[in-house]
Amino acid sequence: MSKLSDEKITAYLDGALSPEEVLHIDEERALDRELDQRIRQLDFNVATLGRDFDEMLGQAPHFTFELDEQKPVWRGAAMAASIIAMFGFGFAAATLTKPVSHENLSWVDAVAQYQMLYRTASLKDLNPTPEQRKKQLSPVAAKLGFDLSQAKISVNGLEYKNTNLLFFKDMPLAQIAYLDKQNRPVSFCIIKRKKNSVTDIKTRTLNKQMQVAEWSRGQYGFLVIGNVDKQEIIELAKQFKALSADL
């Protein structure tokens, strides 16, 4: 039985592997029936989610992101946001994992459900100009009361792609999307909460593959999340935390 991780399989399905790696996995699939079934199941789950969201999109409230009209927008993000807006993140969590009461869902778990919908193809064609980037970030920064200038959101190893303003239990939540050097989606998220707290960086793994690093300072909670290596998440979190140290 193959020991390929879900992360590796996801990269294979995203077309993010080298031709040699793809050939190696193709050869393994031909010899390993269980591996072939795992790959088909992962691919099927994403396709099924897309069809289900298409059917429900007509019933969801209108939800838009600030992005230049001439730039492509990932429809999956709009679908996910519509579902989230209609069901308060709880439905997305129940669809992707198991039934969860959205009253008991933490903001980190809610973001994780949203992050699971991202693939390399979701972001690779988004290349906003500096003016477009400012247009995306300015209203989100104003809502949070937080400096989201280029200097505060730029770290080594990540390419900026998009910013979304979401809400969790009426609290504003910024989701800033990037691709890492291996073209894997990573998000830096900031939520403005009703209570103050100060915590150091804590890491954990969600859904056996999603790496999370979170910390807090004052009213703000911070999160770096992606289906990447744990060490990469830690290093990115340290960089983002240093940029927000003057709060």
Protein backbone atom coordinates (compact mmCIF):
# COMPACT_ATOMS: atom_id res chain seq x y z
CA MET A 1 0.00 0.00 0.00
CA SER A 2 1.35 3.45 -0.97
CA LYS A 3 2.33 5.91 1.76
CA LEU A 4 1.58 8.99 -0.36
CA SER A 5 0.12 11.77 1.80
CA ASP A 6 -3.12 13.56 0.97
CA GLU A 7 -1.01 16.70 0.53
CA LYS A 8 1.04 14.98 -2.17
CA ILE A 9 -2.08 13.65 -3.86
CA THR A 10 -3.68 17.10 -3.78
CA ALA A 11 -0.56 18.59 -5.41
CA TYR A 12 -0.77 15.82 -8.03
CA LEU A 13 -4.40 16.68 -8.78
CA ASP A 14 -3.55 20.40 -8.88
CA GLY A 15 -0.82 19.83 -11.44
CA ALA A 16 1.74 21.27 -9.00
CA LEU A 17 4.23 18.40 -9.25
CA SER A 18 7.15 17.96 -11.61
CA PRO A 19 6.69 15.70 -14.68
CA GLU A 20 8.93 13.10 -13.00
CA GLU A 21 6.77 13.07 -9.85
CA VAL A 22 3.59 12.80 -11.91
CA LEU A 23 5.02 9.87 -13.85
CA HIS A 24 6.04 8.16 -10.60
CA ILE A 25 2.52 8.51 -9.14
CA ASP A 26 0.93 7.37 -12.40
CA GLU A 27 3.07 4.23 -12.24
CA GLU A 28 2.10 3.66 -8.60
CA ARG A 29 -1.61 4.06 -9.43
CA ALA A 30 -1.34 1.43 -12.11
CA LEU A 31 0.04 -1.06 -9.58
CA ASP A 32 -1.80 -0.03 -6.42
CA ARG A 33 -5.59 -0.29 -6.56
CA GLU A 34 -6.07 1.30 -3.14
CA LEU A 35 -3.98 4.31 -4.11
CA ASP A 36 -5.95 4.73 -7.32
CA GLN A 37 -9.20 4.67 -5.33
CA ARG A 38 -7.84 7.30 -2.86
CA ILE A 39 -6.89 9.62 -5.71
CA ARG A 40 -10.25 9.15 -7.41
CA GLN A 41 -12.08 9.82 -4.14
CA LEU A 42 -10.18 13.05 -3.42
CA ASP A 43 -10.78 14.26 -6.96
CA PHE A 44 -14.44 13.25 -6.78
CA ASN A 45 -15.01 15.09 -3.49
CA VAL A 46 -13.86 18.40 -4.95
CA ALA A 47 -15.90 17.93 -8.12
CA THR A 48 -19.00 16.99 -6.12
CA LEU A 49 -18.65 20.05 -3.90
CA GLY A 50 -18.47 22.24 -6.96
CA ARG A 51 -21.67 20.77 -8.42
CA ASP A 52 -23.51 21.00 -5.10
CA PHE A 53 -22.52 24.64 -4.66
CA ASP A 54 -23.60 25.41 -8.23
CA GLU A 55 -27.08 24.05 -7.44
CA MET A 56 -27.33 26.05 -4.22
CA LEU A 57 -25.78 29.27 -5.50
CA GLY A 58 -29.09 30.48 -6.90
CA GLN A 59 -30.62 30.29 -3.42
CA ALA A 60 -27.73 32.00 -1.63
CA PRO A 61 -27.62 35.75 -0.94
CA HIS A 62 -25.55 37.95 -3.21
CA PHE A 63 -21.98 38.17 -1.91
CA THR A 64 -19.26 40.08 -3.74
CA PHE A 65 -15.56 40.72 -3.34
CA GLU A 66 -13.77 43.95 -4.16
CA LEU A 67 -11.75 43.19 -7.26
CA ASP A 68 -11.15 45.04 -10.50
CA GLU A 69 -13.86 44.10 -13.00
CA GLN A 70 -11.29 43.32 -15.67
CA LYS A 71 -9.51 40.75 -13.51
CA PRO A 72 -10.67 37.13 -13.25
CA VAL A 73 -12.43 36.11 -10.05
CA TRP A 74 -12.46 32.52 -8.80
CA ARG A 75 -16.11 31.53 -8.84
CA GLY A 76 -15.47 28.91 -6.18
CA ALA A 77 -14.57 31.64 -3.71
CA ALA A 78 -17.81 33.47 -4.46
CA MET A 79 -19.79 30.26 -4.05
CA ALA A 80 -18.12 29.46 -0.77
CA ALA A 81 -18.70 32.96 0.54
CA SER A 82 -22.37 32.82 -0.45
CA ILE A 83 -22.83 29.54 1.37
CA ILE A 84 -20.99 30.92 4.39
CA ALA A 85 -23.08 34.07 4.39
CA MET A 86 -26.29 32.06 4.24
CA PHE A 87 -25.43 29.47 6.90
CA GLY A 88 -22.83 31.24 9.07
CA PHE A 89 -19.97 28.86 8.12
CA GLY A 90 -21.78 25.97 9.78
CA PHE A 91 -23.08 24.49 6.54
CA ALA A 92 -19.66 24.54 4.89
CA ALA A 93 -18.19 22.72 7.86
CA ALA A 94 -20.94 20.10 7.82
CA THR A 95 -20.54 19.53 4.09
CA LEU A 96 -16.78 19.09 4.19
CA THR A 97 -16.39 17.11 7.38
CA LYS A 98 -19.31 16.20 9.62
CA PRO A 99 -22.31 18.01 11.11
CA VAL A 100 -21.11 20.80 13.39
CA SER A 101 -23.20 23.38 15.19
CA HIS A 102 -22.02 26.75 13.93
CA GLU A 103 -22.62 28.16 17.41
CA ASN A 104 -19.73 26.01 18.65
CA LEU A 105 -17.45 26.54 15.67
CA SER A 106 -14.33 28.62 16.32
CA TRP A 107 -13.26 31.24 13.81
CA VAL A 108 -10.11 29.23 13.06
CA ASP A 109 -12.11 26.09 12.26
CA ALA A 110 -14.48 28.15 10.11
CA VAL A 111 -11.60 29.61 8.11
CA ALA A 112 -10.15 26.11 7.69
CA GLN A 113 -13.35 24.95 6.01
CA TYR A 114 -13.13 27.88 3.61
CA GLN A 115 -9.42 27.29 2.96
CA MET A 116 -10.12 23.69 1.96
CA LEU A 117 -11.93 24.97 -1.13
CA TYR A 118 -8.81 26.62 -2.51
CA ARG A 119 -6.64 24.96 -5.15
CA THR A 120 -3.69 26.31 -7.10
CA ALA A 121 -5.99 27.06 -10.04
CA SER A 122 -8.15 29.23 -7.76
CA LEU A 123 -5.44 31.87 -7.44
CA LYS A 124 -2.77 31.49 -10.11
CA ASP A 125 -4.50 33.81 -12.62
CA LEU A 126 -5.04 36.58 -10.06
CA ASN A 127 -2.24 39.10 -10.50
CA PRO A 128 -3.49 42.47 -9.23
CA THR A 129 -1.56 45.63 -9.98
CA PRO A 130 -0.40 47.80 -7.05
CA GLU A 131 -3.43 50.03 -7.61
CA GLN A 132 -5.82 47.09 -7.62
CA ARG A 133 -4.16 45.67 -4.52
CA LYS A 134 -4.66 48.97 -2.70
CA LYS A 135 -8.30 49.01 -3.78
CA GLN A 136 -8.78 45.53 -2.35
CA LEU A 137 -6.99 46.21 0.93
CA SER A 138 -8.16 49.74 1.82
CA PRO A 139 -11.83 49.00 2.66
CA VAL A 140 -10.86 45.85 4.57
CA ALA A 141 -8.27 47.76 6.58
CA ALA A 142 -10.85 50.44 7.39
CA LYS A 143 -13.32 47.83 8.61
CA LEU A 144 -10.73 46.18 10.83
CA GLY A 145 -9.06 49.38 11.98
CA PHE A 146 -5.78 47.70 11.10
CA ASP A 147 -2.87 48.71 8.88
CA LEU A 148 -2.91 46.52 5.78
CA SER A 149 -0.35 48.45 3.78
CA GLN A 150 1.94 46.51 1.49
CA ALA A 151 4.73 46.54 4.07
CA LYS A 152 2.48 44.85 6.64
CA ILE A 153 1.35 41.95 4.47
CA SER A 154 4.48 41.09 2.46
CA VAL A 155 6.67 38.22 3.65
CA ASN A 156 9.35 36.08 2.05
CA GLY A 157 8.08 33.05 0.18
CA LEU A 158 4.54 34.23 -0.59
CA GLU A 159 3.04 35.94 -3.63
CA TYR A 160 0.00 38.13 -2.92
CA LYS A 161 -3.15 37.20 -4.86
CA ASN A 162 -6.35 38.56 -3.31
CA THR A 163 -8.09 39.92 -0.22
CA ASN A 164 -11.62 39.13 0.98
CA LEU A 165 -13.67 40.71 3.75
CA LEU A 166 -15.69 38.06 5.58
CA PHE A 167 -17.61 38.05 8.86
CA PHE A 168 -17.72 35.47 11.62
CA LYS A 169 -20.48 35.96 14.20
CA ASP A 170 -20.64 39.64 13.17
CA MET A 171 -16.90 40.11 13.67
CA PRO A 172 -14.96 41.41 10.62
CA LEU A 173 -12.44 38.93 9.25
CA ALA A 174 -9.83 39.65 6.60
CA GLN A 175 -8.65 36.76 4.47
CA ILE A 176 -5.53 37.58 2.45
CA ALA A 177 -4.70 34.88 -0.09
CA TYR A 178 -1.26 33.96 -1.41
CA LEU A 179 0.55 31.23 -3.32
CA ASP A 180 3.81 29.92 -1.88
CA LYS A 181 6.90 29.05 -3.90
CA GLN A 182 5.37 25.67 -4.76
CA ASN A 183 2.10 27.31 -5.87
CA ARG A 184 0.18 26.10 -2.82
CA PRO A 185 -2.59 28.33 -1.42
CA VAL A 186 -1.79 29.98 1.92
CA SER A 187 -3.94 32.54 3.75
CA PHE A 188 -3.13 35.16 6.34
CA CYS A 189 -6.27 36.02 8.30
CA ILE A 190 -7.07 38.72 10.85
CA ILE A 191 -10.21 38.93 12.94
CA LYS A 192 -11.27 41.86 15.12
CA ARG A 193 -12.79 40.43 18.29
CA LYS A 194 -14.74 41.90 21.18
CA LYS A 195 -12.21 40.87 23.84
CA ASN A 196 -8.51 41.59 24.25
CA SER A 197 -5.94 38.83 24.64
CA VAL A 198 -2.26 38.18 24.04
CA THR A 199 -1.06 34.72 23.06
CA ASP A 200 2.09 33.40 21.40
CA ILE A 201 2.13 31.39 18.19
CA LYS A 202 0.41 28.01 18.51
CA THR A 203 0.35 25.40 15.77
CA ARG A 204 -1.90 22.46 14.99
CA THR A 205 -2.99 20.24 12.11
CA LEU A 206 -6.59 20.18 10.92
CA ASN A 207 -8.19 17.49 8.76
CA LYS A 208 -4.86 15.58 8.85
CA GLN A 209 -3.26 17.96 6.34
CA MET A 210 -4.13 21.63 6.92
CA GLN A 211 -1.40 23.38 8.90
CA VAL A 212 -2.43 26.23 11.19
CA ALA A 213 -0.47 28.83 13.18
CA GLU A 214 -2.46 31.27 15.32
CA TRP A 215 -1.75 34.01 17.84
CA SER A 216 -3.45 37.09 19.26
CA ARG A 217 -2.62 40.62 20.30
CA GLY A 218 -5.14 43.08 21.73
CA GLN A 219 -8.47 42.88 19.91
CA TYR A 220 -6.96 41.01 17.00
CA GLY A 221 -6.61 37.32 16.31
CA PHE A 222 -4.15 36.23 13.63
CA LEU A 223 -3.94 33.06 11.59
CA VAL A 224 -1.70 31.60 8.90
CA ILE A 225 -3.17 28.52 7.25
CA GLY A 226 -2.45 26.26 4.30
CA ASN A 227 -1.96 22.73 3.10
CA VAL A 228 1.82 23.05 3.39
CA ASP A 229 4.65 21.83 5.59
CA LYS A 230 4.40 22.61 9.30
CA GLN A 231 7.80 24.29 9.35
CA GLU A 232 6.78 26.58 6.50
CA ILE A 233 3.66 27.69 8.41
CA ILE A 234 5.74 28.40 11.51
CA GLU A 235 8.26 30.50 9.59
CA LEU A 236 5.51 32.45 7.82
CA ALA A 237 3.70 33.06 11.11
CA LYS A 238 6.88 34.43 12.67
CA GLN A 239 7.27 36.88 9.79
CA PHE A 240 3.65 38.06 9.93
CA LYS A 241 3.79 38.37 13.71
CA ALA A 242 6.89 40.54 13.51
CA LEU A 243 5.12 42.84 11.07
CA SER A 244 2.21 43.32 13.52
CA ALA A 245 4.35 43.75 16.62
CA ASP A 246 3.81 47.52 16.79
CA LEU A 247 0.08 47.23 17.54
